[in-house]
């Protein structure tokens, strides 16, 4: 291929991208399928309360806040295969936040992933889920955010290499993976199931973590909620599959896990899921939690995806690492106990946890290195990070001991796995 021909092809692709982008942006926000174009109304206490609830249910704080940072001021890093993206400031500050955005600007961002000026947003922002939200719900969220104190915090520049730093290319991605439609209830299902479907697939955007992605970073069609890996943590299969999903969990156990980050006989949440409960799910009404459970019961069973290890059948006698036993006895047993029931708090229980039935120990490694601290209701759940105090060999050994002792299978964690996660 000649240089001239190659340049011509690249130029044609760029021109096509610009044309597609222009056409996509010019498509009027009020014409979208299923959107009745609810007009902006007076800012009332009722509207603000609705906006606060929707903002919590949408878990906006988890992504747009950093530990010890200003609320909703952005800056949280998302480390992706093609670089790092930072969440943005969504406070009402006009210089660094979204204080200058109109109602249509805000709705367009949630429905189509386009910010003012035609700037495409990366799908780390879950607009492919939020697109199902009504205009009225979107504007209630905007009203609430705009009543919070503005935070003058500059946005961090994304760290992406070419061609992923070319936002116009997202026009093609949206054509492939964005269905610009509002949520429509299924007439064959009850109001409760439909409410749960809206909370799960739209507002709570659960599939963004629990559904595996394809090479283009789109959600895999036909693999909804089959499990995925998010920022190094396993987001488990939450379908009705009885072996690797939640098919054997009772309604009460699922409801407890969603609202309190712990389920009897199934362990406790950690990592991003614990954060979701802390910032979002614990604030949902019991009616909405029940709706989530009712909808999950209707989700078709999916077998485990390669990204998430299936839970093996426990074996009566699994070899236990002697070094791991020594570390567990010296450090872990006081909180977790040898029977796995946990001491002082149920959140320390290991028996039944999916983390200890994973031979690769993905989530065990994460929590040993990073620890955990989150607050549910009036209780602070805390586990210190053990990474600085123990060697890679010691941490690998204790992980394999926990997998063998509580999960009944042979762990495959190596010192190299620990070293990789440290990096």
Protein backbone atom coordinates (compact mmCIF):
# COMPACT_ATOMS: atom_id res chain seq x y z
CA UNK A 1 0.00 0.00 0.00
CA UNK A 2 1.38 3.41 -0.96
CA UNK A 3 1.79 6.16 1.59
CA UNK A 4 -0.71 8.28 -0.36
CA UNK A 5 -3.31 5.52 -0.27
CA UNK A 6 -2.81 4.93 3.46
CA UNK A 7 -3.14 8.65 4.21
CA UNK A 8 -6.27 8.80 2.06
CA UNK A 9 -7.87 5.94 3.99
CA UNK A 10 -7.08 7.57 7.33
CA UNK A 11 -8.43 10.90 6.08
CA UNK A 12 -11.62 9.24 4.87
CA UNK A 13 -12.13 7.59 8.28
CA UNK A 14 -11.60 10.93 10.04
CA UNK A 15 -14.04 12.71 7.74
CA UNK A 16 -16.60 9.94 8.22
CA UNK A 17 -16.16 10.21 11.98
CA UNK A 18 -16.69 13.96 11.90
CA UNK A 19 -19.81 13.59 9.75
CA UNK A 20 -21.26 10.86 11.95
CA UNK A 21 -20.47 12.92 15.06
CA UNK A 22 -22.13 16.01 13.63
CA UNK A 23 -25.24 14.09 12.62
CA UNK A 24 -25.44 12.38 15.99
CA UNK A 25 -25.05 15.58 17.96
CA UNK A 26 -27.60 17.45 15.85
CA UNK A 27 -30.26 14.83 16.59
CA UNK A 28 -32.64 16.71 18.92
CA UNK A 29 -32.71 15.50 22.53
CA UNK A 30 -36.51 15.77 22.80
CA UNK A 31 -37.13 13.37 19.92
CA UNK A 32 -35.80 10.21 21.53
CA UNK A 33 -37.95 7.11 21.59
CA UNK A 34 -40.05 6.87 24.73
CA UNK A 35 -39.07 10.30 26.12
CA UNK A 36 -42.06 12.57 26.66
CA UNK A 37 -39.84 15.60 27.13
CA UNK A 38 -41.00 16.57 30.63
CA UNK A 39 -40.51 20.34 30.92
CA UNK A 40 -38.46 21.92 33.66
CA UNK A 41 -40.62 22.98 36.56
CA UNK A 42 -40.21 24.80 39.87
CA UNK A 43 -37.59 23.48 42.28
CA UNK A 44 -39.69 22.15 45.14
CA UNK A 45 -38.80 20.20 48.28
CA UNK A 46 -40.53 17.18 46.77
CA UNK A 47 -38.44 17.42 43.61
CA UNK A 48 -35.21 17.75 45.60
CA UNK A 49 -36.10 14.74 47.76
CA UNK A 50 -36.82 12.74 44.62
CA UNK A 51 -33.54 13.89 43.10
CA UNK A 52 -31.59 12.91 46.20
CA UNK A 53 -33.11 9.43 46.22
CA UNK A 54 -32.44 8.93 42.50
CA UNK A 55 -28.87 10.21 42.90
CA UNK A 56 -28.24 7.68 45.65
CA UNK A 57 -29.95 4.88 43.72
CA UNK A 58 -27.79 5.76 40.71
CA UNK A 59 -24.67 5.54 42.91
CA UNK A 60 -23.29 8.79 41.51
CA UNK A 61 -21.09 9.46 44.55
CA UNK A 62 -19.14 6.21 44.17
CA UNK A 63 -17.63 7.28 40.85
CA UNK A 64 -17.61 11.06 41.18
CA UNK A 65 -15.98 11.27 44.62
CA UNK A 66 -12.60 10.20 45.92
CA UNK A 67 -11.77 9.20 49.51
CA UNK A 68 -11.26 12.30 51.65
CA UNK A 69 -12.13 14.47 48.64
CA UNK A 70 -14.96 16.90 47.99
CA UNK A 71 -18.32 15.22 47.31
CA UNK A 72 -19.09 14.82 43.59
CA UNK A 73 -15.92 16.73 42.62
CA UNK A 74 -14.55 13.84 40.55
CA UNK A 75 -11.00 12.59 40.22
CA UNK A 76 -11.55 8.86 40.72
CA UNK A 77 -9.28 6.86 38.36
CA UNK A 78 -10.63 4.09 36.16
CA UNK A 79 -7.75 1.94 34.98
CA UNK A 80 -8.80 0.32 31.72
CA UNK A 81 -6.91 -1.82 29.21
CA UNK A 82 -6.37 1.23 27.00
CA UNK A 83 -5.39 3.77 29.67
CA UNK A 84 -6.73 5.64 32.67
CA UNK A 85 -9.88 7.77 32.73
CA UNK A 86 -10.74 10.10 35.61
CA UNK A 87 -14.28 10.88 36.71
CA UNK A 88 -15.34 14.49 36.35
CA UNK A 89 -16.59 17.19 38.67
CA UNK A 90 -20.41 17.15 38.59
CA UNK A 91 -21.02 19.87 41.17
CA UNK A 92 -22.61 23.16 40.19
CA UNK A 93 -19.30 25.02 39.97
CA UNK A 94 -19.44 26.89 36.65
CA UNK A 95 -15.70 26.81 35.98
CA UNK A 96 -14.79 23.22 36.81
CA UNK A 97 -18.14 21.48 37.21
CA UNK A 98 -21.44 21.44 35.33
CA UNK A 99 -22.88 24.68 36.70
CA UNK A 100 -23.25 26.15 33.21
CA UNK A 101 -25.09 23.14 31.79
CA UNK A 102 -28.69 23.59 30.67
CA UNK A 103 -31.38 21.00 31.27
CA UNK A 104 -30.94 19.72 27.72
CA UNK A 105 -27.17 19.50 28.23
CA UNK A 106 -27.65 17.33 31.29
CA UNK A 107 -30.25 15.07 29.68
CA UNK A 108 -28.12 14.66 26.55
CA UNK A 109 -25.16 13.54 28.65
CA UNK A 110 -27.21 10.91 30.49
CA UNK A 111 -29.08 9.69 27.43
CA UNK A 112 -26.42 9.89 24.75
CA UNK A 113 -23.06 10.38 26.41
CA UNK A 114 -22.46 13.80 24.86
CA UNK A 115 -21.39 16.83 26.90
CA UNK A 116 -21.86 20.46 25.83
CA UNK A 117 -19.93 21.39 22.73
CA UNK A 118 -20.31 17.91 21.27
CA UNK A 119 -17.68 16.36 23.54
CA UNK A 120 -18.18 12.62 23.66
CA UNK A 121 -18.03 10.94 27.05
CA UNK A 122 -16.25 7.64 27.50
CA UNK A 123 -18.53 4.70 28.34
CA UNK A 124 -16.86 4.32 31.74
CA UNK A 125 -19.72 6.76 32.44
CA UNK A 126 -22.69 4.35 32.19
CA UNK A 127 -24.84 6.37 29.80
CA UNK A 128 -25.73 3.17 27.95
CA UNK A 129 -27.72 2.31 31.10
CA UNK A 130 -28.82 5.82 32.06
CA UNK A 131 -30.33 6.28 28.60
CA UNK A 132 -33.34 4.36 29.92
CA UNK A 133 -34.03 7.10 32.47
CA UNK A 134 -36.92 9.48 31.85
CA UNK A 135 -36.24 13.17 31.31
CA UNK A 136 -38.12 13.92 34.50
CA UNK A 137 -35.88 11.64 36.56
CA UNK A 138 -32.78 13.11 34.94
CA UNK A 139 -33.83 16.66 35.76
CA UNK A 140 -34.68 15.71 39.35
CA UNK A 141 -31.08 14.50 39.73
CA UNK A 142 -29.81 17.73 38.18
CA UNK A 143 -31.93 19.82 40.54
CA UNK A 144 -30.51 17.98 43.55
CA UNK A 145 -26.90 18.24 42.38
CA UNK A 146 -27.31 21.95 41.72
CA UNK A 147 -28.56 22.53 45.26
CA UNK A 148 -25.38 21.05 46.74
CA UNK A 149 -22.40 23.33 47.44
CA UNK A 150 -20.30 23.95 44.30
CA UNK A 151 -16.77 22.59 44.51
CA UNK A 152 -14.04 24.37 42.57
CA UNK A 153 -11.91 21.32 41.78
CA UNK A 154 -10.22 21.07 38.39
CA UNK A 155 -10.77 17.89 36.39
CA UNK A 156 -7.83 15.58 35.84
CA UNK A 157 -6.68 14.91 32.30
CA UNK A 158 -7.28 11.39 31.04
CA UNK A 159 -4.21 9.29 30.29
CA UNK A 160 -5.03 7.56 27.02
CA UNK A 161 -2.86 6.72 24.06
CA UNK A 162 -3.77 7.16 20.39
CA UNK A 163 -6.31 6.32 19.00
CA UNK A 164 -8.29 5.98 22.25
CA UNK A 165 -7.76 9.66 23.04
CA UNK A 166 -9.75 10.63 19.94
CA UNK A 167 -13.23 11.16 21.30
CA UNK A 168 -14.89 11.56 17.91
CA UNK A 169 -14.34 7.84 17.38
CA UNK A 170 -16.93 7.18 20.09
CA UNK A 171 -19.63 8.11 17.58
CA UNK A 172 -19.01 4.74 15.93
CA UNK A 173 -18.96 2.99 19.31
CA UNK A 174 -22.33 4.54 20.19
CA UNK A 175 -23.83 3.39 16.91
CA UNK A 176 -22.84 -0.16 17.83
CA UNK A 177 -23.62 -0.26 21.54
CA UNK A 178 -26.00 2.57 22.51
CA UNK A 179 -29.73 2.01 22.27
CA UNK A 180 -31.17 5.48 22.81
CA UNK A 181 -34.50 4.45 24.32
CA UNK A 182 -36.29 5.06 27.59
CA UNK A 183 -37.25 2.17 29.86
CA UNK A 184 -40.52 0.50 28.89
CA UNK A 185 -42.21 -1.82 31.42
CA UNK A 186 -42.81 -5.42 30.43
CA UNK A 187 -46.58 -5.92 30.37
CA UNK A 188 -46.06 -9.62 31.10
CA UNK A 189 -44.40 -8.83 34.44
CA UNK A 190 -45.71 -7.37 37.69
CA UNK A 191 -45.18 -3.77 38.76
CA UNK A 192 -42.69 -5.04 41.36
CA UNK A 193 -40.57 -6.87 38.79
CA UNK A 194 -40.69 -3.88 36.43
CA UNK A 195 -39.56 -1.58 39.22
CA UNK A 196 -36.71 -3.96 39.94
CA UNK A 197 -35.80 -4.11 36.27
CA UNK A 198 -35.59 -0.31 36.11
CA UNK A 199 -33.48 -0.12 39.26
CA UNK A 200 -31.16 -2.89 38.09
CA UNK A 201 -30.70 -2.19 34.39
CA UNK A 202 -31.13 1.59 34.26
CA UNK A 203 -30.65 3.54 37.46
CA UNK A 204 -28.41 1.11 39.36
CA UNK A 205 -26.61 0.09 36.12
CA UNK A 206 -25.66 -3.24 37.73
CA UNK A 207 -24.79 -4.79 34.40
CA UNK A 208 -21.93 -2.34 33.93
CA UNK A 209 -20.01 -4.31 36.57
CA UNK A 210 -21.63 -7.74 36.52
CA UNK A 211 -21.77 -8.30 32.74
CA UNK A 212 -18.61 -9.34 30.86
CA UNK A 213 -17.37 -7.03 28.11
CA UNK A 214 -16.23 -7.71 24.57
CA UNK A 215 -13.02 -6.52 22.93
CA UNK A 216 -14.64 -3.17 22.08
CA UNK A 217 -15.56 -2.66 25.78
CA UNK A 218 -19.24 -3.13 25.01
CA UNK A 219 -21.37 -5.40 27.18
CA UNK A 220 -21.52 -8.93 25.79
CA UNK A 221 -24.92 -9.60 24.30
CA UNK A 222 -26.60 -12.65 25.77
CA UNK A 223 -24.27 -12.73 28.80
CA UNK A 224 -26.16 -10.35 31.08
CA UNK A 225 -25.03 -10.55 34.73
CA UNK A 226 -22.74 -13.56 34.11
CA UNK A 227 -19.89 -11.95 36.05
CA UNK A 228 -16.94 -9.71 35.22
CA UNK A 229 -13.70 -8.31 36.63
CA UNK A 230 -13.79 -4.65 37.71
CA UNK A 231 -10.62 -2.85 38.78
CA UNK A 232 -9.11 -6.19 39.77
CA UNK A 233 -12.15 -7.34 41.77
CA UNK A 234 -14.47 -10.18 40.74
CA UNK A 235 -18.01 -8.88 40.23
CA UNK A 236 -19.75 -12.20 40.64
CA UNK A 237 -22.43 -13.90 38.59
CA UNK A 238 -25.79 -12.67 39.92
CA UNK A 239 -28.08 -14.70 37.68
CA UNK A 240 -30.34 -17.50 38.91
CA UNK A 241 -27.73 -20.16 38.15
CA UNK A 242 -27.55 -22.46 41.18
CA UNK A 243 -23.86 -23.30 40.91
CA UNK A 244 -22.16 -19.97 40.25
CA UNK A 245 -25.01 -17.47 40.57
CA UNK A 246 -27.49 -16.69 43.34
CA UNK A 247 -29.98 -19.40 42.48
CA UNK A 248 -29.56 -21.13 45.85
CA UNK A 249 -29.80 -17.90 47.86
CA UNK A 250 -33.07 -17.16 49.62
CA UNK A 251 -34.89 -13.89 48.98
CA UNK A 252 -33.96 -12.78 52.49
CA UNK A 253 -30.26 -13.50 51.87
CA UNK A 254 -30.18 -11.50 48.62
CA UNK A 255 -32.06 -8.63 50.24
CA UNK A 256 -29.68 -8.63 53.20
CA UNK A 257 -26.61 -8.62 50.97
CA UNK A 258 -27.96 -5.71 48.91
CA UNK A 259 -29.03 -3.59 51.87
CA UNK A 260 -26.30 -4.44 54.39
CA UNK A 261 -23.38 -5.95 52.40
CA UNK A 262 -23.70 -9.24 54.29
CA UNK A 263 -25.77 -12.39 53.86
CA UNK A 264 -25.92 -15.21 56.36
CA UNK A 265 -24.00 -18.26 55.05
CA UNK A 266 -22.72 -16.30 52.03
CA UNK A 267 -20.23 -13.87 53.53
CA UNK A 268 -19.79 -10.13 53.09
CA UNK A 269 -19.17 -7.72 50.26
CA UNK A 270 -15.84 -6.00 49.72
CA UNK A 271 -14.28 -3.68 47.17
CA UNK A 272 -16.61 -1.93 44.66
CA UNK A 273 -19.66 -3.90 45.82
CA UNK A 274 -19.19 -2.81 49.42
CA UNK A 275 -18.85 0.75 48.16
CA UNK A 276 -22.09 0.39 46.20
CA UNK A 277 -23.92 -0.71 49.34
CA UNK A 278 -22.33 2.05 51.42
CA UNK A 279 -23.12 4.89 49.00
CA UNK A 280 -26.28 3.63 47.36
CA UNK A 281 -28.09 0.40 48.13
CA UNK A 282 -28.42 0.81 51.89
CA UNK A 283 -30.48 3.95 51.27
CA UNK A 284 -33.09 2.24 49.11
CA UNK A 285 -36.49 1.56 50.61
CA UNK A 286 -37.34 -2.00 51.61
CA UNK A 287 -39.89 -1.97 48.80
CA UNK A 288 -37.22 -1.20 46.23
CA UNK A 289 -34.86 -3.82 47.69
CA UNK A 290 -37.66 -6.36 47.35
CA UNK A 291 -38.19 -5.22 43.77
CA UNK A 292 -34.51 -5.79 43.00
CA UNK A 293 -34.76 -9.32 44.40
CA UNK A 294 -37.93 -10.01 42.42
CA UNK A 295 -36.28 -8.92 39.18
CA UNK A 296 -33.09 -10.93 39.79
CA UNK A 297 -35.27 -14.01 40.18
CA UNK A 298 -36.42 -13.53 36.57
CA UNK A 299 -32.91 -13.19 35.10
CA UNK A 300 -32.01 -16.25 33.02
CA UNK A 301 -29.29 -18.45 34.50
CA UNK A 302 -25.83 -17.94 33.02
CA UNK A 303 -22.88 -20.24 33.51
CA UNK A 304 -19.61 -18.68 34.70
CA UNK A 305 -17.67 -16.53 32.27
CA UNK A 306 -13.94 -17.08 31.79
CA UNK A 307 -13.32 -13.74 33.54
CA UNK A 308 -14.81 -15.02 36.80
CA UNK A 309 -13.98 -18.37 38.30
CA UNK A 310 -16.80 -20.79 38.92
CA UNK A 311 -17.14 -21.99 42.49
CA UNK A 312 -15.96 -25.63 42.61
CA UNK A 313 -17.71 -28.28 44.62
CA UNK A 314 -16.07 -28.40 48.08
CA UNK A 315 -13.88 -31.39 48.81
CA UNK A 316 -13.74 -33.03 52.22
CA UNK A 317 -9.96 -32.96 52.43
CA UNK A 318 -8.08 -30.16 50.69
CA UNK A 319 -4.33 -29.78 51.31
CA UNK A 320 -3.56 -26.88 53.62
CA UNK A 321 -0.39 -24.82 53.42
CA UNK A 322 1.61 -24.98 56.66
CA UNK A 323 3.04 -21.48 56.25
CA UNK A 324 -0.47 -20.26 55.53
CA UNK A 325 -1.74 -21.91 58.71
CA UNK A 326 0.97 -20.20 60.74
CA UNK A 327 0.11 -16.77 59.30
CA UNK A 328 -3.62 -17.37 59.81
CA UNK A 329 -3.11 -18.48 63.42
CA UNK A 330 -0.87 -15.52 64.17
CA UNK A 331 -2.89 -12.79 62.48
CA UNK A 332 -6.30 -13.78 61.16
CA UNK A 333 -7.90 -16.20 63.57
CA UNK A 334 -8.77 -13.60 66.22
CA UNK A 335 -11.28 -11.95 63.87
CA UNK A 336 -12.27 -14.74 61.47
CA UNK A 337 -12.03 -17.79 63.79
CA UNK A 338 -11.19 -21.30 62.65
CA UNK A 339 -14.84 -22.14 62.02
CA UNK A 340 -15.20 -19.09 59.76
CA UNK A 341 -18.13 -17.61 61.70
CA UNK A 342 -16.30 -14.43 62.59
CA UNK A 343 -15.79 -12.89 65.99
CA UNK A 344 -17.59 -9.76 67.26
CA UNK A 345 -19.15 -9.06 63.84
CA UNK A 346 -20.77 -11.19 61.14
CA UNK A 347 -18.83 -9.20 58.55
CA UNK A 348 -15.73 -11.19 59.51
CA UNK A 349 -17.40 -14.48 58.56
CA UNK A 350 -15.59 -16.44 55.84
CA UNK A 351 -17.71 -19.59 55.79
CA UNK A 352 -19.86 -19.63 52.66
CA UNK A 353 -18.13 -16.64 51.06
CA UNK A 354 -17.58 -16.92 47.32
CA UNK A 355 -14.15 -15.37 47.83
CA UNK A 356 -12.87 -18.57 49.46
CA UNK A 357 -14.28 -20.88 46.78
CA UNK A 358 -12.26 -19.17 44.05
CA UNK A 359 -9.03 -21.17 43.54
CA UNK A 360 -7.33 -18.07 42.13
CA UNK A 361 -8.23 -16.05 45.23
CA UNK A 362 -8.78 -12.82 43.26
CA UNK A 363 -10.85 -11.03 45.89
CA UNK A 364 -8.90 -12.48 48.81
CA UNK A 365 -5.72 -11.00 47.35
CA UNK A 366 -7.37 -7.63 46.86
CA UNK A 367 -8.72 -7.33 50.37
CA UNK A 368 -5.48 -8.56 51.99
CA UNK A 369 -3.49 -5.93 50.09
CA UNK A 370 -5.98 -3.05 50.31
CA UNK A 371 -8.01 -3.78 53.39
CA UNK A 372 -11.59 -2.62 53.76
CA UNK A 373 -13.40 0.23 55.43
CA UNK A 374 -17.01 1.15 54.86
CA UNK A 375 -19.99 2.19 56.92
CA UNK A 376 -23.36 0.46 56.90
CA UNK A 377 -26.07 2.13 58.94
CA UNK A 378 -24.40 2.91 62.29
CA UNK A 379 -21.62 0.32 62.01
CA UNK A 380 -18.13 0.75 60.58
CA UNK A 381 -16.72 -2.39 58.98
CA UNK A 382 -12.95 -2.40 58.97
CA UNK A 383 -10.13 -4.72 58.01
CA UNK A 384 -6.56 -3.42 57.89
CA UNK A 385 -4.38 -3.82 54.81
CA UNK A 386 -1.75 -6.50 55.37
CA UNK A 387 0.30 -5.82 52.25
CA UNK A 388 2.98 -3.72 53.98
CA UNK A 389 3.49 -6.20 56.82
CA UNK A 390 3.79 -9.49 54.95
CA UNK A 391 5.82 -10.87 52.06
CA UNK A 392 4.35 -12.09 48.80
CA UNK A 393 5.05 -15.69 49.85
CA UNK A 394 3.26 -15.25 53.19
CA UNK A 395 0.20 -13.65 51.64
CA UNK A 396 -0.01 -16.31 48.93
CA UNK A 397 0.26 -19.01 51.58
CA UNK A 398 -2.47 -17.63 53.82
CA UNK A 399 -4.75 -17.10 50.82
CA UNK A 400 -4.32 -20.75 49.82
CA UNK A 401 -4.90 -21.81 53.42
CA UNK A 402 -8.22 -19.90 53.55
CA UNK A 403 -9.31 -21.38 50.21
CA UNK A 404 -8.51 -24.90 51.41
CA UNK A 405 -9.83 -24.55 54.97
CA UNK A 406 -13.06 -22.65 54.23
CA UNK A 407 -13.65 -23.41 50.56
CA UNK A 408 -12.63 -27.04 50.52
CA UNK A 409 -10.53 -26.74 47.38
CA UNK A 410 -6.89 -26.26 46.48
CA UNK A 411 -5.81 -22.66 46.05
CA UNK A 412 -3.63 -21.61 43.13
CA UNK A 413 -2.38 -18.27 44.46
CA UNK A 414 1.35 -17.72 43.88
CA UNK A 415 3.78 -15.10 45.18
CA UNK A 416 3.91 -13.78 41.62
CA UNK A 417 0.13 -13.16 41.72
CA UNK A 418 0.58 -11.09 44.88
CA UNK A 419 3.47 -9.14 43.33
CA UNK A 420 1.41 -8.41 40.23
CA UNK A 421 -1.49 -7.07 42.31
CA UNK A 422 0.86 -4.93 44.35
CA UNK A 423 1.89 -3.19 41.14
